[in-house]
């Protein structure tokens, strides 16, 4: 790939980055909580579905945040933005490596 082509592609990628204020790293999980005693729903085996954002940190630490059902679309959008941003940054880094090489 020539330098000019790499520059144009890099610029296109940079302008297509998602809004960096609306990103979120982690995984959206759906869990079921069951009470041990006194809940008819749990005694029937149904339990209570809950949404959880799980974020892993170095050293094996894990943060879990309980979410309200109405937050699910926003969290999904922010998680998707994070993945898009990460992917495009990797592509930009690859193009910058091309630009570091001398042109033949």
PDB file of N, CA and C in Angstrom:
ATOM      1  N   UNK A   1       0.847  -1.173   0.000  1.00  0.00           N
ATOM      2  CA  UNK A   1       0.000   0.000   0.000  1.00  0.00           C
ATOM      3  C   UNK A   1       0.892   1.236   0.000  1.00  0.00           C
ATOM      4  N   UNK A   2       0.559   2.192  -0.832  1.00  0.00           N
ATOM      5  CA  UNK A   2       1.344   3.419  -0.932  1.00  0.00           C
ATOM      6  C   UNK A   2       0.984   4.382   0.194  1.00  0.00           C
ATOM      7  N   UNK A   3       1.893   5.307   0.469  1.00  0.00           N
ATOM      8  CA  UNK A   3       1.704   6.268   1.560  1.00  0.00           C
ATOM      9  C   UNK A   3       0.427   7.104   1.380  1.00  0.00           C
ATOM     10  N   UNK A   4       0.194   7.593   0.185  1.00  0.00           N
ATOM     11  CA  UNK A   4      -0.989   8.425  -0.062  1.00  0.00           C
ATOM     12  C   UNK A   4      -2.284   7.673   0.209  1.00  0.00           C
ATOM     13  N   UNK A   5      -2.319   6.434  -0.238  1.00  0.00           N
ATOM     14  CA  UNK A   5      -3.501   5.603  -0.016  1.00  0.00           C
ATOM     15  C   UNK A   5      -3.699   5.330   1.479  1.00  0.00           C
ATOM     16  N   UNK A   6      -2.591   5.038   2.182  1.00  0.00           N
ATOM     17  CA  UNK A   6      -2.654   4.779   3.628  1.00  0.00           C
ATOM     18  C   UNK A   6      -3.136   6.020   4.381  1.00  0.00           C
ATOM     19  N   UNK A   7      -2.653   7.202   3.966  1.00  0.00           N
ATOM     20  CA  UNK A   7      -3.089   8.451   4.612  1.00  0.00           C
ATOM     21  C   UNK A   7      -4.584   8.693   4.417  1.00  0.00           C
ATOM     22  N   UNK A   8      -5.068   8.472   3.203  1.00  0.00           N
ATOM     23  CA  UNK A   8      -6.496   8.681   2.931  1.00  0.00           C
ATOM     24  C   UNK A   8      -7.363   7.704   3.736  1.00  0.00           C
ATOM     25  N   UNK A   9      -6.940   6.456   3.765  1.00  0.00           N
ATOM     26  CA  UNK A   9      -7.701   5.447   4.511  1.00  0.00           C
ATOM     27  C   UNK A   9      -7.681   5.765   6.008  1.00  0.00           C
ATOM     28  N   UNK A  10      -6.521   6.170   6.523  1.00  0.00           N
ATOM     29  CA  UNK A  10      -6.398   6.523   7.938  1.00  0.00           C
ATOM     30  C   UNK A  10      -7.307   7.711   8.285  1.00  0.00           C
ATOM     31  N   UNK A  11      -7.341   8.711   7.411  1.00  0.00           N
ATOM     32  CA  UNK A  11      -8.189   9.882   7.659  1.00  0.00           C
ATOM     33  C   UNK A  11      -9.675   9.515   7.650  1.00  0.00           C
ATOM     34  N   UNK A  12     -10.062   8.633   6.724  1.00  0.00           N
ATOM     35  CA  UNK A  12     -11.463   8.178   6.690  1.00  0.00           C
ATOM     36  C   UNK A  12     -11.831   7.452   7.980  1.00  0.00           C
ATOM     37  N   UNK A  13     -10.931   6.593   8.439  1.00  0.00           N
ATOM     38  CA  UNK A  13     -11.185   5.858   9.686  1.00  0.00           C
ATOM     39  C   UNK A  13     -11.282   6.813  10.867  1.00  0.00           C
ATOM     40  N   UNK A  14     -10.384   7.800  10.919  1.00  0.00           N
ATOM     41  CA  UNK A  14     -10.373   8.741  12.043  1.00  0.00           C
ATOM     42  C   UNK A  14     -11.666   9.551  12.108  1.00  0.00           C
ATOM     43  N   UNK A  15     -12.216   9.921  10.949  1.00  0.00           N
ATOM     44  CA  UNK A  15     -13.451  10.708  10.962  1.00  0.00           C
ATOM     45  C   UNK A  15     -14.682   9.852  11.243  1.00  0.00           C
ATOM     46  N   UNK A  16     -14.558   8.531  11.137  1.00  0.00           N
ATOM     47  CA  UNK A  16     -15.711   7.659  11.370  1.00  0.00           C
ATOM     48  C   UNK A  16     -15.732   7.063  12.776  1.00  0.00           C
ATOM     49  N   UNK A  17     -14.853   7.536  13.655  1.00  0.00           N
ATOM     50  CA  UNK A  17     -14.823   7.009  15.026  1.00  0.00           C
ATOM     51  C   UNK A  17     -16.118   7.378  15.750  1.00  0.00           C
ATOM     52  N   UNK A  18     -16.644   6.457  16.594  1.00  0.00           N
ATOM     53  CA  UNK A  18     -17.854   6.782  17.352  1.00  0.00           C
ATOM     54  C   UNK A  18     -17.559   7.830  18.427  1.00  0.00           C
ATOM     55  N   UNK A  19     -18.614   8.415  18.963  1.00  0.00           N
ATOM     56  CA  UNK A  19     -18.464   9.424  20.023  1.00  0.00           C
ATOM     57  C   UNK A  19     -17.733   8.797  21.212  1.00  0.00           C
ATOM     58  N   UNK A  20     -16.579   9.355  21.534  1.00  0.00           N
ATOM     59  CA  UNK A  20     -15.760   8.748  22.586  1.00  0.00           C
ATOM     60  C   UNK A  20     -16.345   8.934  23.982  1.00  0.00           C
ATOM     61  N   UNK A  21     -17.285   9.832  24.149  1.00  0.00           N
ATOM     62  CA  UNK A  21     -17.915  10.000  25.460  1.00  0.00           C
ATOM     63  C   UNK A  21     -18.935   8.890  25.722  1.00  0.00           C
ATOM     64  N   UNK A  22     -19.362   8.198  24.671  1.00  0.00           N
ATOM     65  CA  UNK A  22     -20.392   7.173  24.811  1.00  0.00           C
ATOM     66  C   UNK A  22     -19.818   5.791  24.532  1.00  0.00           C
ATOM     67  N   UNK A  23     -18.808   5.421  25.337  1.00  0.00           N
ATOM     68  CA  UNK A  23     -18.224   4.091  25.219  1.00  0.00           C
ATOM     69  C   UNK A  23     -18.235   3.431  26.590  1.00  0.00           C
ATOM     70  N   UNK A  24     -18.242   2.109  26.574  1.00  0.00           N
ATOM     71  CA  UNK A  24     -18.282   1.348  27.808  1.00  0.00           C
ATOM     72  C   UNK A  24     -17.615   0.007  27.550  1.00  0.00           C
ATOM     73  N   UNK A  25     -16.694  -0.357  28.426  1.00  0.00           N
ATOM     74  CA  UNK A  25     -15.996  -1.638  28.310  1.00  0.00           C
ATOM     75  C   UNK A  25     -16.634  -2.619  29.275  1.00  0.00           C
ATOM     76  N   UNK A  26     -16.811  -3.839  28.840  1.00  0.00           N
ATOM     77  CA  UNK A  26     -17.362  -4.866  29.708  1.00  0.00           C
ATOM     78  C   UNK A  26     -18.281  -5.798  28.948  1.00  0.00           C
ATOM     79  N   UNK A  27     -19.047  -6.573  29.709  1.00  0.00           N
ATOM     80  CA  UNK A  27     -19.993  -7.528  29.130  1.00  0.00           C
ATOM     81  C   UNK A  27     -21.339  -7.357  29.807  1.00  0.00           C
ATOM     82  N   UNK A  28     -22.385  -7.439  29.014  1.00  0.00           N
ATOM     83  CA  UNK A  28     -23.737  -7.360  29.542  1.00  0.00           C
ATOM     84  C   UNK A  28     -24.236  -8.785  29.771  1.00  0.00           C
ATOM     85  N   UNK A  29     -24.580  -9.081  31.002  1.00  0.00           N
ATOM     86  CA  UNK A  29     -25.007 -10.425  31.372  1.00  0.00           C
ATOM     87  C   UNK A  29     -26.440 -10.393  31.882  1.00  0.00           C
ATOM     88  N   UNK A  30     -27.161 -11.473  31.644  1.00  0.00           N
ATOM     89  CA  UNK A  30     -28.474 -11.627  32.268  1.00  0.00           C
ATOM     90  C   UNK A  30     -28.370 -12.805  33.215  1.00  0.00           C
ATOM     91  N   UNK A  31     -28.694 -12.548  34.465  1.00  0.00           N
ATOM     92  CA  UNK A  31     -28.616 -13.575  35.504  1.00  0.00           C
ATOM     93  C   UNK A  31     -29.993 -13.777  36.103  1.00  0.00           C
ATOM     94  N   UNK A  32     -30.121 -14.861  36.824  1.00  0.00           N
ATOM     95  CA  UNK A  32     -31.360 -15.130  37.551  1.00  0.00           C
ATOM     96  C   UNK A  32     -31.018 -15.253  39.029  1.00  0.00           C
ATOM     97  N   UNK A  33     -31.684 -14.446  39.841  1.00  0.00           N
ATOM     98  CA  UNK A  33     -31.484 -14.493  41.291  1.00  0.00           C
ATOM     99  C   UNK A  33     -32.613 -15.334  41.881  1.00  0.00           C
ATOM    100  N   UNK A  34     -32.259 -16.214  42.811  1.00  0.00           N
ATOM    101  CA  UNK A  34     -33.250 -17.048  43.486  1.00  0.00           C
ATOM    102  C   UNK A  34     -33.101 -16.884  45.000  1.00  0.00           C
ATOM    103  N   UNK A  35     -34.214 -16.597  45.630  1.00  0.00           N
ATOM    104  CA  UNK A  35     -34.226 -16.494  47.089  1.00  0.00           C
ATOM    105  C   UNK A  35     -34.285 -17.895  47.695  1.00  0.00           C
ATOM    106  N   UNK A  36     -33.739 -18.049  48.886  1.00  0.00           N
ATOM    107  CA  UNK A  36     -33.742 -19.373  49.521  1.00  0.00           C
ATOM    108  C   UNK A  36     -35.083 -19.711  50.150  1.00  0.00           C
ATOM    109  N   UNK A  37     -35.723 -18.712  50.755  1.00  0.00           N
ATOM    110  CA  UNK A  37     -36.982 -18.990  51.461  1.00  0.00           C
ATOM    111  C   UNK A  37     -37.969 -17.847  51.257  1.00  0.00           C
ATOM    112  N   UNK A  38     -39.262 -18.184  51.260  1.00  0.00           N
ATOM    113  CA  UNK A  38     -40.309 -17.179  51.329  1.00  0.00           C
ATOM    114  C   UNK A  38     -40.701 -16.507  50.024  1.00  0.00           C
ATOM    115  N   UNK A  39     -40.244 -17.010  48.881  1.00  0.00           N
ATOM    116  CA  UNK A  39     -40.614 -16.382  47.607  1.00  0.00           C
ATOM    117  C   UNK A  39     -41.270 -17.451  46.727  1.00  0.00           C
ATOM    118  N   UNK A  40     -42.546 -17.253  46.452  1.00  0.00           N
ATOM    119  CA  UNK A  40     -43.293 -18.234  45.661  1.00  0.00           C
ATOM    120  C   UNK A  40     -42.707 -18.385  44.258  1.00  0.00           C
ATOM    121  N   UNK A  41     -42.302 -17.295  43.666  1.00  0.00           N
ATOM    122  CA  UNK A  41     -41.732 -17.331  42.315  1.00  0.00           C
ATOM    123  C   UNK A  41     -40.451 -18.175  42.294  1.00  0.00           C
ATOM    124  N   UNK A  42     -39.628 -18.010  43.305  1.00  0.00           N
ATOM    125  CA  UNK A  42     -38.380 -18.779  43.369  1.00  0.00           C
ATOM    126  C   UNK A  42     -38.647 -20.246  43.698  1.00  0.00           C
ATOM    127  N   UNK A  43     -39.645 -20.502  44.518  1.00  0.00           N
ATOM    128  CA  UNK A  43     -39.992 -21.885  44.848  1.00  0.00           C
ATOM    129  C   UNK A  43     -40.489 -22.637  43.619  1.00  0.00           C
ATOM    130  N   UNK A  44     -41.135 -21.925  42.672  1.00  0.00           N
ATOM    131  CA  UNK A  44     -41.569 -22.546  41.415  1.00  0.00           C
ATOM    132  C   UNK A  44     -40.395 -22.741  40.451  1.00  0.00           C
ATOM    133  N   UNK A  45     -39.229 -22.188  40.782  1.00  0.00           N
ATOM    134  CA  UNK A  45     -38.052 -22.333  39.941  1.00  0.00           C
ATOM    135  C   UNK A  45     -37.868 -21.223  38.928  1.00  0.00           C
ATOM    136  N   UNK A  46     -38.728 -20.191  38.962  1.00  0.00           N
ATOM    137  CA  UNK A  46     -38.637 -19.111  37.989  1.00  0.00           C
ATOM    138  C   UNK A  46     -37.501 -18.145  38.304  1.00  0.00           C
ATOM    139  N   UNK A  47     -37.409 -17.727  39.542  1.00  0.00           N
ATOM    140  CA  UNK A  47     -36.374 -16.762  39.918  1.00  0.00           C
ATOM    141  C   UNK A  47     -36.684 -15.367  39.397  1.00  0.00           C
ATOM    142  N   UNK A  48     -35.732 -14.460  39.595  1.00  0.00           N
ATOM    143  CA  UNK A  48     -35.885 -13.058  39.214  1.00  0.00           C
ATOM    144  C   UNK A  48     -34.752 -12.689  38.255  1.00  0.00           C
ATOM    145  N   UNK A  49     -35.080 -12.401  36.976  1.00  0.00           N
ATOM    146  CA  UNK A  49     -34.022 -12.034  36.024  1.00  0.00           C
ATOM    147  C   UNK A  49     -33.470 -10.638  36.318  1.00  0.00           C
ATOM    148  N   UNK A  50     -32.145 -10.498  36.257  1.00  0.00           N
ATOM    149  CA  UNK A  50     -31.485  -9.209  36.457  1.00  0.00           C
ATOM    150  C   UNK A  50     -30.430  -9.013  35.376  1.00  0.00           C
ATOM    151  N   UNK A  51     -30.180  -7.757  35.016  1.00  0.00           N
ATOM    152  CA  UNK A  51     -29.117  -7.400  34.067  1.00  0.00           C
ATOM    153  C   UNK A  51     -27.912  -6.921  34.851  1.00  0.00           C
ATOM    154  N   UNK A  52     -26.736  -7.344  34.413  1.00  0.00           N
ATOM    155  CA  UNK A  52     -25.497  -6.986  35.098  1.00  0.00           C
ATOM    156  C   UNK A  52     -24.449  -6.599  34.062  1.00  0.00           C
ATOM    157  N   UNK A  53     -23.770  -5.477  34.312  1.00  0.00           N
ATOM    158  CA  UNK A  53     -22.596  -5.120  33.534  1.00  0.00           C
ATOM    159  C   UNK A  53     -21.391  -5.653  34.297  1.00  0.00           C
ATOM    160  N   UNK A  54     -20.602  -6.490  33.654  1.00  0.00           N
ATOM    161  CA  UNK A  54     -19.426  -7.083  34.280  1.00  0.00           C
ATOM    162  C   UNK A  54     -18.170  -6.535  33.595  1.00  0.00           C
ATOM    163  N   UNK A  55     -17.239  -5.980  34.407  1.00  0.00           N
ATOM    164  CA  UNK A  55     -16.002  -5.412  33.879  1.00  0.00           C
ATOM    165  C   UNK A  55     -14.835  -6.062  34.602  1.00  0.00           C
ATOM    166  N   UNK A  56     -13.902  -6.641  33.845  1.00  0.00           N
ATOM    167  CA  UNK A  56     -12.718  -7.273  34.417  1.00  0.00           C
ATOM    168  C   UNK A  56     -11.548  -6.301  34.424  1.00  0.00           C
ATOM    169  N   UNK A  57     -10.768  -6.364  35.505  1.00  0.00           N
ATOM    170  CA  UNK A  57      -9.589  -5.523  35.658  1.00  0.00           C
ATOM    171  C   UNK A  57      -8.364  -6.398  35.900  1.00  0.00           C
ATOM    172  N   UNK A  58      -7.175  -5.848  35.651  1.00  0.00           N
ATOM    173  CA  UNK A  58      -5.953  -6.625  35.905  1.00  0.00           C
ATOM    174  C   UNK A  58      -5.903  -7.096  37.362  1.00  0.00           C
ATOM    175  N   UNK A  59      -5.276  -8.230  37.546  1.00  0.00           N
ATOM    176  CA  UNK A  59      -5.166  -8.787  38.887  1.00  0.00           C
ATOM    177  C   UNK A  59      -6.378  -9.624  39.268  1.00  0.00           C
ATOM    178  N   UNK A  60      -7.212  -9.940  38.298  1.00  0.00           N
ATOM    179  CA  UNK A  60      -8.367 -10.786  38.563  1.00  0.00           C
ATOM    180  C   UNK A  60      -9.531 -10.085  39.227  1.00  0.00           C
ATOM    181  N   UNK A  61      -9.493  -8.763  39.274  1.00  0.00           N
ATOM    182  CA  UNK A  61     -10.597  -8.037  39.890  1.00  0.00           C
ATOM    183  C   UNK A  61     -11.746  -7.899  38.898  1.00  0.00           C
ATOM    184  N   UNK A  62     -12.953  -7.944  39.415  1.00  0.00           N
ATOM    185  CA  UNK A  62     -14.138  -7.892  38.587  1.00  0.00           C
ATOM    186  C   UNK A  62     -15.157  -6.965  39.239  1.00  0.00           C
ATOM    187  N   UNK A  63     -15.670  -6.029  38.452  1.00  0.00           N
ATOM    188  CA  UNK A  63     -16.699  -5.115  38.925  1.00  0.00           C
ATOM    189  C   UNK A  63     -18.011  -5.512  38.268  1.00  0.00           C
ATOM    190  N   UNK A  64     -19.066  -5.628  39.071  1.00  0.00           N
ATOM    191  CA  UNK A  64     -20.374  -5.943  38.524  1.00  0.00           C
ATOM    192  C   UNK A  64     -21.357  -4.873  38.969  1.00  0.00           C
ATOM    193  N   UNK A  65     -22.086  -4.329  37.995  1.00  0.00           N
ATOM    194  CA  UNK A  65     -23.045  -3.267  38.260  1.00  0.00           C
ATOM    195  C   UNK A  65     -24.423  -3.762  37.836  1.00  0.00           C
ATOM    196  N   UNK A  66     -25.376  -3.737  38.765  1.00  0.00           N
ATOM    197  CA  UNK A  66     -26.752  -4.103  38.438  1.00  0.00           C
ATOM    198  C   UNK A  66     -27.392  -2.976  37.638  1.00  0.00           C
ATOM    199  N   UNK A  67     -28.154  -3.353  36.618  1.00  0.00           N
ATOM    200  CA  UNK A  67     -28.777  -2.374  35.731  1.00  0.00           C
ATOM    201  C   UNK A  67     -30.291  -2.499  35.763  1.00  0.00           C
ATOM    202  N   UNK A  68     -30.946  -1.391  35.516  1.00  0.00           N
ATOM    203  CA  UNK A  68     -32.398  -1.402  35.351  1.00  0.00           C
ATOM    204  C   UNK A  68     -32.704  -1.811  33.910  1.00  0.00           C
ATOM    205  N   UNK A  69     -33.843  -2.447  33.674  1.00  0.00           N
ATOM    206  CA  UNK A  69     -34.183  -2.897  32.312  1.00  0.00           C
ATOM    207  C   UNK A  69     -34.168  -1.765  31.281  1.00  0.00           C
ATOM    208  N   UNK A  70     -34.570  -0.567  31.676  1.00  0.00           N
ATOM    209  CA  UNK A  70     -34.601   0.542  30.714  1.00  0.00           C
ATOM    210  C   UNK A  70     -33.194   1.024  30.333  1.00  0.00           C
ATOM    211  N   UNK A  71     -32.164   0.602  31.058  1.00  0.00           N
ATOM    212  CA  UNK A  71     -30.786   0.977  30.726  1.00  0.00           C
ATOM    213  C   UNK A  71     -30.174   0.058  29.670  1.00  0.00           C
ATOM    214  N   UNK A  72     -30.790  -1.079  29.401  1.00  0.00           N
ATOM    215  CA  UNK A  72     -30.217  -2.073  28.494  1.00  0.00           C
ATOM    216  C   UNK A  72     -29.886  -1.516  27.113  1.00  0.00           C
ATOM    217  N   UNK A  73     -30.797  -0.801  26.414  1.00  0.00           N
ATOM    218  CA  UNK A  73     -30.447  -0.294  25.083  1.00  0.00           C
ATOM    219  C   UNK A  73     -29.251   0.654  25.093  1.00  0.00           C
ATOM    220  N   UNK A  74     -29.177   1.514  26.100  1.00  0.00           N
ATOM    221  CA  UNK A  74     -28.053   2.454  26.197  1.00  0.00           C
ATOM    222  C   UNK A  74     -26.747   1.710  26.426  1.00  0.00           C
ATOM    223  N   UNK A  75     -26.755   0.742  27.327  1.00  0.00           N
ATOM    224  CA  UNK A  75     -25.542  -0.030  27.631  1.00  0.00           C
ATOM    225  C   UNK A  75     -25.104  -0.816  26.401  1.00  0.00           C
ATOM    226  N   UNK A  76     -26.051  -1.420  25.690  1.00  0.00           N
ATOM    227  CA  UNK A  76     -25.701  -2.168  24.466  1.00  0.00           C
ATOM    228  C   UNK A  76     -25.073  -1.243  23.432  1.00  0.00           C
ATOM    229  N   UNK A  77     -25.628  -0.044  23.280  1.00  0.00           N
ATOM    230  CA  UNK A  77     -25.084   0.925  22.314  1.00  0.00           C
ATOM    231  C   UNK A  77     -23.667   1.338  22.713  1.00  0.00           C
ATOM    232  N   UNK A  78     -23.454   1.616  23.997  1.00  0.00           N
ATOM    233  CA  UNK A  78     -22.130   2.035  24.461  1.00  0.00           C
ATOM    234  C   UNK A  78     -21.110   0.907  24.338  1.00  0.00           C
ATOM    235  N   UNK A  79     -21.505  -0.328  24.604  1.00  0.00           N
ATOM    236  CA  UNK A  79     -20.607  -1.476  24.435  1.00  0.00           C
ATOM    237  C   UNK A  79     -20.231  -1.643  22.960  1.00  0.00           C
ATOM    238  N   UNK A  80     -21.209  -1.465  22.079  1.00  0.00           N
ATOM    239  CA  UNK A  80     -20.948  -1.559  20.636  1.00  0.00           C
ATOM    240  C   UNK A  80     -20.001  -0.453  20.183  1.00  0.00           C
ATOM    241  N   UNK A  81     -20.191   0.756  20.706  1.00  0.00           N
ATOM    242  CA  UNK A  81     -19.290   1.869  20.376  1.00  0.00           C
ATOM    243  C   UNK A  81     -17.866   1.562  20.803  1.00  0.00           C
ATOM    244  N   UNK A  82     -17.699   0.935  21.964  1.00  0.00           N
ATOM    245  CA  UNK A  82     -16.364   0.571  22.443  1.00  0.00           C
ATOM    246  C   UNK A  82     -15.705  -0.405  21.464  1.00  0.00           C
ATOM    247  N   UNK A  83     -16.460  -1.420  21.030  1.00  0.00           N
ATOM    248  CA  UNK A  83     -15.893  -2.404  20.108  1.00  0.00           C
ATOM    249  C   UNK A  83     -15.529  -1.776  18.764  1.00  0.00           C
ATOM    250  N   UNK A  84     -16.382  -0.872  18.260  1.00  0.00           N
ATOM    251  CA  UNK A  84     -16.080  -0.173  17.006  1.00  0.00           C
ATOM    252  C   UNK A  84     -14.828   0.680  17.156  1.00  0.00           C
ATOM    253  N   UNK A  85     -14.751   1.427  18.249  1.00  0.00           N
ATOM    254  CA  UNK A  85     -13.600   2.296  18.487  1.00  0.00           C
ATOM    255  C   UNK A  85     -12.314   1.484  18.576  1.00  0.00           C
ATOM    256  N   UNK A  86     -12.361   0.402  19.318  1.00  0.00           N
ATOM    257  CA  UNK A  86     -11.188  -0.458  19.473  1.00  0.00           C
ATOM    258  C   UNK A  86     -10.734  -1.027  18.123  1.00  0.00           C
ATOM    259  N   UNK A  87     -11.694  -1.491  17.333  1.00  0.00           N
ATOM    260  CA  UNK A  87     -11.381  -2.065  16.030  1.00  0.00           C
ATOM    261  C   UNK A  87     -10.767  -1.026  15.098  1.00  0.00           C
ATOM    262  N   UNK A  88     -11.360   0.163  15.054  1.00  0.00           N
ATOM    263  CA  UNK A  88     -10.858   1.211  14.160  1.00  0.00           C
ATOM    264  C   UNK A  88      -9.499   1.730  14.608  1.00  0.00           C
ATOM    265  N   UNK A  89      -9.272   1.801  15.904  1.00  0.00           N
ATOM    266  CA  UNK A  89      -7.947   2.214  16.392  1.00  0.00           C
ATOM    267  C   UNK A  89      -6.878   1.205  15.975  1.00  0.00           C
ATOM    268  N   UNK A  90      -7.216  -0.074  15.997  1.00  0.00           N
ATOM    269  CA  UNK A  90      -6.270  -1.100  15.547  1.00  0.00           C
ATOM    270  C   UNK A  90      -5.956  -0.919  14.059  1.00  0.00           C
ATOM    271  N   UNK A  91      -6.982  -0.618  13.261  1.00  0.00           N
ATOM    272  CA  UNK A  91      -6.768  -0.396  11.832  1.00  0.00           C
ATOM    273  C   UNK A  91      -5.878   0.827  11.600  1.00  0.00           C
ATOM    274  N   UNK A  92      -6.115   1.893  12.366  1.00  0.00           N
ATOM    275  CA  UNK A  92      -5.302   3.109  12.239  1.00  0.00           C
ATOM    276  C   UNK A  92      -3.853   2.812  12.609  1.00  0.00           C
ATOM    277  N   UNK A  93      -3.643   2.016  13.644  1.00  0.00           N
ATOM    278  CA  UNK A  93      -2.274   1.647  14.038  1.00  0.00           C
ATOM    279  C   UNK A  93      -1.572   0.872  12.930  1.00  0.00           C
ATOM    280  N   UNK A  94      -2.295  -0.043  12.275  1.00  0.00           N
ATOM    281  CA  UNK A  94      -1.718  -0.801  11.165  1.00  0.00           C
ATOM    282  C   UNK A  94      -1.316   0.138  10.022  1.00  0.00           C
ATOM    283  N   UNK A  95      -2.180   1.108   9.719  1.00  0.00           N
ATOM    284  CA  UNK A  95      -1.861   2.063   8.649  1.00  0.00           C
ATOM    285  C   UNK A  95      -0.667   2.940   9.028  1.00  0.00           C
ATOM    286  N   UNK A  96      -0.566   3.322  10.287  1.00  0.00           N
ATOM    287  CA  UNK A  96       0.589   4.115  10.724  1.00  0.00           C
ATOM    288  C   UNK A  96       1.888   3.328  10.607  1.00  0.00           C
ATOM    289  N   UNK A  97       1.815   2.010  10.794  1.00  0.00           N
ATOM    290  CA  UNK A  97       3.006   1.186  10.593  1.00  0.00           C
ATOM    291  C   UNK A  97       3.426   1.212   9.129  1.00  0.00           C
ATOM    292  N   UNK A  98       2.449   1.208   8.228  1.00  0.00           N
ATOM    293  CA  UNK A  98       2.759   1.315   6.791  1.00  0.00           C
ATOM    294  C   UNK A  98       3.446   2.635   6.514  1.00  0.00           C
ATOM    295  N   UNK A  99       2.958   3.708   7.148  1.00  0.00           N
ATOM    296  CA  UNK A  99       3.532   5.044   6.902  1.00  0.00           C
ATOM    297  C   UNK A  99       4.951   5.183   7.460  1.00  0.00           C
ATOM    298  N   UNK A 100       5.321   4.372   8.402  1.00  0.00           N
ATOM    299  CA  UNK A 100       6.673   4.427   8.958  1.00  0.00           C
ATOM    300  C   UNK A 100       7.715   3.799   8.036  1.00  0.00           C
ATOM    301  N   UNK A 101       7.265   2.895   7.175  1.00  0.00           N
ATOM    302  CA  UNK A 101       8.195   2.247   6.247  1.00  0.00           C
ATOM    303  C   UNK A 101       8.521   3.210   5.103  1.00  0.00           C
ATOM    304  N   UNK A 102       9.741   3.135   4.613  1.00  0.00           N
ATOM    305  CA  UNK A 102      10.089   4.012   3.470  1.00  0.00           C
ATOM    306  C   UNK A 102       9.331   3.564   2.229  1.00  0.00           C
ATOM    307  N   UNK A 103       8.930   4.538   1.439  1.00  0.00           N
ATOM    308  CA  UNK A 103       8.236   4.225   0.193  1.00  0.00           C
ATOM    309  C   UNK A 103       9.269   3.763  -0.829  1.00  0.00           C
ATOM    310  N   UNK A 104       8.945   2.698  -1.569  1.00  0.00           N
ATOM    311  CA  UNK A 104       9.926   2.187  -2.558  1.00  0.00           C
ATOM    312  C   UNK A 104      10.101   3.144  -3.722  1.00  0.00           C
TER     313      UNK A 104
END
